[in-house]
Structure formats: structure tokens, C-alpha cells
Amino acid sequence: MGRMRRSRLEDIPGLGHHRRKQLLANFHSIDYIREASPQQLATVDGIGSQLAQQIYEYFHPSTAS
């Protein structure tokens, strides 16, 4: 089965190593990041509203316009 969900944050364009660490420091797990709203994601240092929206849409592709 290989690697299950190896930090899928790495697949999000524009989300570098430092920003991934910031997100995990704030939300503590990928699951919490996945459940966060774009507004919650945007409160993390270095994550602006545009990147927050990209992260949200990555985890919720059916809601992308």
C-alpha cells in the first residue's frame, strides 16, 4: 500500500516547506487543516487569503468554482 497520506500539503502549489510547518504548528494535523475554512487558514503567518483559498480548494475540489 506504500505511503498512505504522506503530507499531501506538499502537492499544493505555492505552499513551501516553511508554510507547511506554519500550518501544522497552528492546526497540529492534516485533518484539522482539511477541516479549516479559508478564513481560518488565512490567519496563519505567511498564508494570505489567496493561498488559503487554494489550500481549501485542494482539499474540497467539488467546491471550486
PDB file of N, CA and C in Angstrom:
ATOM      1  N   MET A   1       0.816  -1.206   0.000  1.00  0.00           N
ATOM      2  CA  MET A   1       0.000   0.000   0.000  1.00  0.00           C
ATOM      3  C   MET A   1       0.856   1.266   0.000  1.00  0.00           C
ATOM      4  N   GLY A   2       2.144   1.151   0.217  1.00  0.00           N
ATOM      5  CA  GLY A   2       3.036   2.299   0.132  1.00  0.00           C
ATOM      6  C   GLY A   2       2.728   3.372   1.155  1.00  0.00           C
ATOM      7  N   ARG A   3       3.115   4.599   0.817  1.00  0.00           N
ATOM      8  CA  ARG A   3       2.870   5.672   1.769  1.00  0.00           C
ATOM      9  C   ARG A   3       1.429   6.120   1.662  1.00  0.00           C
ATOM     10  N   MET A   4       0.787   6.147   2.782  1.00  0.00           N
ATOM     11  CA  MET A   4      -0.628   6.498   2.751  1.00  0.00           C
ATOM     12  C   MET A   4      -0.799   7.970   2.405  1.00  0.00           C
ATOM     13  N   ARG A   5      -1.041   8.794   3.374  1.00  0.00           N
ATOM     14  CA  ARG A   5      -1.242  10.208   3.085  1.00  0.00           C
ATOM     15  C   ARG A   5      -0.022  10.975   3.532  1.00  0.00           C
ATOM     16  N   ARG A   6       1.102  10.778   2.854  1.00  0.00           N
ATOM     17  CA  ARG A   6       2.322  11.496   3.214  1.00  0.00           C
ATOM     18  C   ARG A   6       2.079  12.965   2.958  1.00  0.00           C
ATOM     19  N   SER A   7       1.930  13.707   4.010  1.00  0.00           N
ATOM     20  CA  SER A   7       1.632  15.136   3.968  1.00  0.00           C
ATOM     21  C   SER A   7       1.260  15.617   2.579  1.00  0.00           C
ATOM     22  N   ARG A   8      -0.004  15.526   2.267  1.00  0.00           N
ATOM     23  CA  ARG A   8      -0.453  15.953   0.950  1.00  0.00           C
ATOM     24  C   ARG A   8      -0.320  17.453   0.775  1.00  0.00           C
ATOM     25  N   LEU A   9       0.056  18.146   1.826  1.00  0.00           N
ATOM     26  CA  LEU A   9       0.309  19.579   1.705  1.00  0.00           C
ATOM     27  C   LEU A   9       1.399  19.842   0.673  1.00  0.00           C
ATOM     28  N   GLU A  10       2.287  18.868   0.497  1.00  0.00           N
ATOM     29  CA  GLU A  10       3.394  19.040  -0.448  1.00  0.00           C
ATOM     30  C   GLU A  10       2.903  19.165  -1.888  1.00  0.00           C
ATOM     31  N   ASP A  11       1.689  18.740  -2.145  1.00  0.00           N
ATOM     32  CA  ASP A  11       1.158  18.785  -3.511  1.00  0.00           C
ATOM     33  C   ASP A  11       0.491  20.115  -3.844  1.00  0.00           C
ATOM     34  N   ILE A  12       0.372  21.004  -2.868  1.00  0.00           N
ATOM     35  CA  ILE A  12      -0.327  22.265  -3.096  1.00  0.00           C
ATOM     36  C   ILE A  12       0.643  23.297  -3.653  1.00  0.00           C
ATOM     37  N   PRO A  13       0.358  23.847  -4.841  1.00  0.00           N
ATOM     38  CA  PRO A  13       1.245  24.837  -5.442  1.00  0.00           C
ATOM     39  C   PRO A  13       1.375  26.065  -4.546  1.00  0.00           C
ATOM     40  N   GLY A  14       2.587  26.590  -4.416  1.00  0.00           N
ATOM     41  CA  GLY A  14       2.795  27.808  -3.644  1.00  0.00           C
ATOM     42  C   GLY A  14       2.963  27.577  -2.153  1.00  0.00           C
ATOM     43  N   LEU A  15       2.857  26.328  -1.725  1.00  0.00           N
ATOM     44  CA  LEU A  15       2.972  26.035  -0.302  1.00  0.00           C
ATOM     45  C   LEU A  15       4.318  25.382  -0.036  1.00  0.00           C
ATOM     46  N   GLY A  16       5.273  26.204   0.368  1.00  0.00           N
ATOM     47  CA  GLY A  16       6.620  25.702   0.603  1.00  0.00           C
ATOM     48  C   GLY A  16       6.766  25.059   1.969  1.00  0.00           C
ATOM     49  N   HIS A  17       7.983  24.579   2.227  1.00  0.00           N
ATOM     50  CA  HIS A  17       8.285  23.868   3.470  1.00  0.00           C
ATOM     51  C   HIS A  17       7.941  24.712   4.704  1.00  0.00           C
ATOM     52  N   HIS A  18       8.345  25.972   4.704  1.00  0.00           N
ATOM     53  CA  HIS A  18       8.125  26.844   5.860  1.00  0.00           C
ATOM     54  C   HIS A  18       6.627  27.039   6.124  1.00  0.00           C
ATOM     55  N   ARG A  19       5.866  27.268   5.077  1.00  0.00           N
ATOM     56  CA  ARG A  19       4.426  27.481   5.250  1.00  0.00           C
ATOM     57  C   ARG A  19       3.726  26.210   5.719  1.00  0.00           C
ATOM     58  N   ARG A  20       4.182  25.061   5.225  1.00  0.00           N
ATOM     59  CA  ARG A  20       3.603  23.795   5.713  1.00  0.00           C
ATOM     60  C   ARG A  20       3.845  23.656   7.209  1.00  0.00           C
ATOM     61  N   LYS A  21       5.063  23.996   7.647  1.00  0.00           N
ATOM     62  CA  LYS A  21       5.374  23.921   9.073  1.00  0.00           C
ATOM     63  C   LYS A  21       4.498  24.887   9.872  1.00  0.00           C
ATOM     64  N   GLN A  22       4.262  26.078   9.327  1.00  0.00           N
ATOM     65  CA  GLN A  22       3.411  27.056   9.999  1.00  0.00           C
ATOM     66  C   GLN A  22       1.985  26.511  10.144  1.00  0.00           C
ATOM     67  N   LEU A  23       1.464  25.926   9.074  1.00  0.00           N
ATOM     68  CA  LEU A  23       0.114  25.361   9.121  1.00  0.00           C
ATOM     69  C   LEU A  23       0.026  24.254  10.160  1.00  0.00           C
ATOM     70  N   LEU A  24       0.995  23.353  10.155  1.00  0.00           N
ATOM     71  CA  LEU A  24       0.969  22.232  11.101  1.00  0.00           C
ATOM     72  C   LEU A  24       1.158  22.719  12.538  1.00  0.00           C
ATOM     73  N   ALA A  25       1.951  23.776  12.719  1.00  0.00           N
ATOM     74  CA  ALA A  25       2.132  24.322  14.063  1.00  0.00           C
ATOM     75  C   ALA A  25       0.821  24.897  14.584  1.00  0.00           C
ATOM     76  N   ASN A  26       0.030  25.483  13.686  1.00  0.00           N
ATOM     77  CA  ASN A  26      -1.237  26.084  14.088  1.00  0.00           C
ATOM     78  C   ASN A  26      -2.359  25.068  14.228  1.00  0.00           C
ATOM     79  N   PHE A  27      -2.425  24.121  13.289  1.00  0.00           N
ATOM     80  CA  PHE A  27      -3.567  23.197  13.250  1.00  0.00           C
ATOM     81  C   PHE A  27      -3.242  21.803  13.789  1.00  0.00           C
ATOM     82  N   HIS A  28      -1.966  21.487  13.928  1.00  0.00           N
ATOM     83  CA  HIS A  28      -1.483  20.247  14.550  1.00  0.00           C
ATOM     84  C   HIS A  28      -1.678  18.978  13.736  1.00  0.00           C
ATOM     85  N   SER A  29      -2.506  18.973  12.713  1.00  0.00           N
ATOM     86  CA  SER A  29      -2.628  17.780  11.864  1.00  0.00           C
ATOM     87  C   SER A  29      -3.226  18.139  10.519  1.00  0.00           C
ATOM     88  N   ILE A  30      -2.966  17.273   9.550  1.00  0.00           N
ATOM     89  CA  ILE A  30      -3.524  17.457   8.215  1.00  0.00           C
ATOM     90  C   ILE A  30      -5.053  17.454   8.289  1.00  0.00           C
ATOM     91  N   ASP A  31      -5.601  16.604   9.153  1.00  0.00           N
ATOM     92  CA  ASP A  31      -7.062  16.522   9.254  1.00  0.00           C
ATOM     93  C   ASP A  31      -7.673  17.854   9.669  1.00  0.00           C
ATOM     94  N   TYR A  32      -7.037  18.520  10.630  1.00  0.00           N
ATOM     95  CA  TYR A  32      -7.560  19.824  11.062  1.00  0.00           C
ATOM     96  C   TYR A  32      -7.400  20.878   9.974  1.00  0.00           C
ATOM     97  N   ILE A  33      -6.305  20.806   9.228  1.00  0.00           N
ATOM     98  CA  ILE A  33      -6.110  21.734   8.111  1.00  0.00           C
ATOM     99  C   ILE A  33      -7.196  21.509   7.071  1.00  0.00           C
ATOM    100  N   ARG A  34      -7.492  20.245   6.802  1.00  0.00           N
ATOM    101  CA  ARG A  34      -8.517  19.899   5.820  1.00  0.00           C
ATOM    102  C   ARG A  34      -9.881  20.449   6.231  1.00  0.00           C
ATOM    103  N   GLU A  35     -10.164  20.447   7.528  1.00  0.00           N
ATOM    104  CA  GLU A  35     -11.473  20.900   8.024  1.00  0.00           C
ATOM    105  C   GLU A  35     -11.569  22.414   8.173  1.00  0.00           C
ATOM    106  N   ALA A  36     -10.428  23.102   8.125  1.00  0.00           N
ATOM    107  CA  ALA A  36     -10.424  24.547   8.353  1.00  0.00           C
ATOM    108  C   ALA A  36     -11.052  25.297   7.186  1.00  0.00           C
ATOM    109  N   SER A  37     -11.678  26.411   7.512  1.00  0.00           N
ATOM    110  CA  SER A  37     -12.233  27.282   6.469  1.00  0.00           C
ATOM    111  C   SER A  37     -11.101  28.134   5.894  1.00  0.00           C
ATOM    112  N   PRO A  38     -11.319  28.710   4.704  1.00  0.00           N
ATOM    113  CA  PRO A  38     -10.298  29.616   4.157  1.00  0.00           C
ATOM    114  C   PRO A  38      -9.971  30.757   5.118  1.00  0.00           C
ATOM    115  N   GLN A  39     -10.977  31.246   5.846  1.00  0.00           N
ATOM    116  CA  GLN A  39     -10.750  32.332   6.802  1.00  0.00           C
ATOM    117  C   GLN A  39      -9.820  31.878   7.926  1.00  0.00           C
ATOM    118  N   GLN A  40     -10.011  30.650   8.404  1.00  0.00           N
ATOM    119  CA  GLN A  40      -9.140  30.125   9.457  1.00  0.00           C
ATOM    120  C   GLN A  40      -7.724  29.915   8.930  1.00  0.00           C
ATOM    121  N   LEU A  41      -7.614  29.387   7.724  1.00  0.00           N
ATOM    122  CA  LEU A  41      -6.300  29.152   7.136  1.00  0.00           C
ATOM    123  C   LEU A  41      -5.542  30.466   6.951  1.00  0.00           C
ATOM    124  N   ALA A  42      -6.254  31.522   6.591  1.00  0.00           N
ATOM    125  CA  ALA A  42      -5.625  32.813   6.306  1.00  0.00           C
ATOM    126  C   ALA A  42      -5.056  33.474   7.565  1.00  0.00           C
ATOM    127  N   THR A  43      -5.429  32.997   8.745  1.00  0.00           N
ATOM    128  CA  THR A  43      -4.902  33.590   9.982  1.00  0.00           C
ATOM    129  C   THR A  43      -3.477  33.127  10.276  1.00  0.00           C
ATOM    130  N   VAL A  44      -3.006  32.105   9.572  1.00  0.00           N
ATOM    131  CA  VAL A  44      -1.654  31.579   9.797  1.00  0.00           C
ATOM    132  C   VAL A  44      -0.632  32.505   9.147  1.00  0.00           C
ATOM    133  N   ASP A  45       0.457  32.775   9.862  1.00  0.00           N
ATOM    134  CA  ASP A  45       1.526  33.624   9.324  1.00  0.00           C
ATOM    135  C   ASP A  45       1.997  33.111   7.969  1.00  0.00           C
ATOM    136  N   GLY A  46       2.061  34.004   6.990  1.00  0.00           N
ATOM    137  CA  GLY A  46       2.572  33.642   5.674  1.00  0.00           C
ATOM    138  C   GLY A  46       1.525  33.072   4.736  1.00  0.00           C
ATOM    139  N   ILE A  47       0.328  32.820   5.248  1.00  0.00           N
ATOM    140  CA  ILE A  47      -0.750  32.287   4.399  1.00  0.00           C
ATOM    141  C   ILE A  47      -1.751  33.411   4.170  1.00  0.00           C
ATOM    142  N   GLY A  48      -1.730  33.988   2.999  1.00  0.00           N
ATOM    143  CA  GLY A  48      -2.693  35.052   2.701  1.00  0.00           C
ATOM    144  C   GLY A  48      -4.030  34.456   2.299  1.00  0.00           C
ATOM    145  N   SER A  49      -4.987  35.320   2.038  1.00  0.00           N
ATOM    146  CA  SER A  49      -6.321  34.832   1.698  1.00  0.00           C
ATOM    147  C   SER A  49      -6.328  34.042   0.390  1.00  0.00           C
ATOM    148  N   GLN A  50      -5.500  34.428  -0.562  1.00  0.00           N
ATOM    149  CA  GLN A  50      -5.461  33.724  -1.846  1.00  0.00           C
ATOM    150  C   GLN A  50      -4.915  32.309  -1.678  1.00  0.00           C
ATOM    151  N   LEU A  51      -3.815  32.175  -0.941  1.00  0.00           N
ATOM    152  CA  LEU A  51      -3.239  30.853  -0.711  1.00  0.00           C
ATOM    153  C   LEU A  51      -4.177  30.013   0.156  1.00  0.00           C
ATOM    154  N   ALA A  52      -4.819  30.656   1.131  1.00  0.00           N
ATOM    155  CA  ALA A  52      -5.777  29.945   1.976  1.00  0.00           C
ATOM    156  C   ALA A  52      -6.891  29.341   1.121  1.00  0.00           C
ATOM    157  N   GLN A  53      -7.359  30.091   0.138  1.00  0.00           N
ATOM    158  CA  GLN A  53      -8.404  29.605  -0.759  1.00  0.00           C
ATOM    159  C   GLN A  53      -7.894  28.420  -1.586  1.00  0.00           C
ATOM    160  N   GLN A  54      -6.639  28.500  -2.047  1.00  0.00           N
ATOM    161  CA  GLN A  54      -6.052  27.393  -2.817  1.00  0.00           C
ATOM    162  C   GLN A  54      -5.970  26.122  -1.973  1.00  0.00           C
ATOM    163  N   ILE A  55      -5.545  26.283  -0.718  1.00  0.00           N
ATOM    164  CA  ILE A  55      -5.433  25.139   0.177  1.00  0.00           C
ATOM    165  C   ILE A  55      -6.818  24.529   0.396  1.00  0.00           C
ATOM    166  N   TYR A  56      -7.793  25.388   0.656  1.00  0.00           N
ATOM    167  CA  TYR A  56      -9.156  24.916   0.891  1.00  0.00           C
ATOM    168  C   TYR A  56      -9.682  24.153  -0.331  1.00  0.00           C
ATOM    169  N   GLU A  57      -9.484  24.723  -1.506  1.00  0.00           N
ATOM    170  CA  GLU A  57      -9.985  24.086  -2.741  1.00  0.00           C
ATOM    171  C   GLU A  57      -9.245  22.797  -3.045  1.00  0.00           C
ATOM    172  N   TYR A  58      -7.987  22.705  -2.611  1.00  0.00           N
ATOM    173  CA  TYR A  58      -7.240  21.467  -2.803  1.00  0.00           C
ATOM    174  C   TYR A  58      -7.907  20.324  -2.050  1.00  0.00           C
ATOM    175  N   PHE A  59      -8.353  20.612  -0.817  1.00  0.00           N
ATOM    176  CA  PHE A  59      -8.995  19.581  -0.004  1.00  0.00           C
ATOM    177  C   PHE A  59     -10.486  19.430  -0.300  1.00  0.00           C
ATOM    178  N   HIS A  60     -11.069  20.419  -0.971  1.00  0.00           N
ATOM    179  CA  HIS A  60     -12.501  20.373  -1.289  1.00  0.00           C
ATOM    180  C   HIS A  60     -12.705  20.703  -2.769  1.00  0.00           C
ATOM    181  N   PRO A  61     -12.212  19.856  -3.656  1.00  0.00           N
ATOM    182  CA  PRO A  61     -12.236  20.184  -5.090  1.00  0.00           C
ATOM    183  C   PRO A  61     -13.643  20.391  -5.636  1.00  0.00           C
ATOM    184  N   SER A  62     -14.648  19.787  -5.030  1.00  0.00           N
ATOM    185  CA  SER A  62     -16.010  19.925  -5.565  1.00  0.00           C
ATOM    186  C   SER A  62     -16.565  21.317  -5.324  1.00  0.00           C
ATOM    187  N   THR A  63     -15.964  22.097  -4.409  1.00  0.00           N
ATOM    188  CA  THR A  63     -16.489  23.430  -4.130  1.00  0.00           C
ATOM    189  C   THR A  63     -15.790  24.495  -4.958  1.00  0.00           C
ATOM    190  N   ALA A  64     -14.757  24.107  -5.701  1.00  0.00           N
ATOM    191  CA  ALA A  64     -14.053  25.097  -6.537  1.00  0.00           C
ATOM    192  C   ALA A  64     -14.979  25.576  -7.644  1.00  0.00           C
ATOM    193  N   SER A  65     -14.902  26.863  -7.941  1.00  0.00           N
ATOM    194  CA  SER A  65     -15.831  27.419  -8.942  1.00  0.00           C
ATOM    195  C   SER A  65     -15.415  27.046 -10.357  1.00  0.00           C
TER     196      SER A  65
END
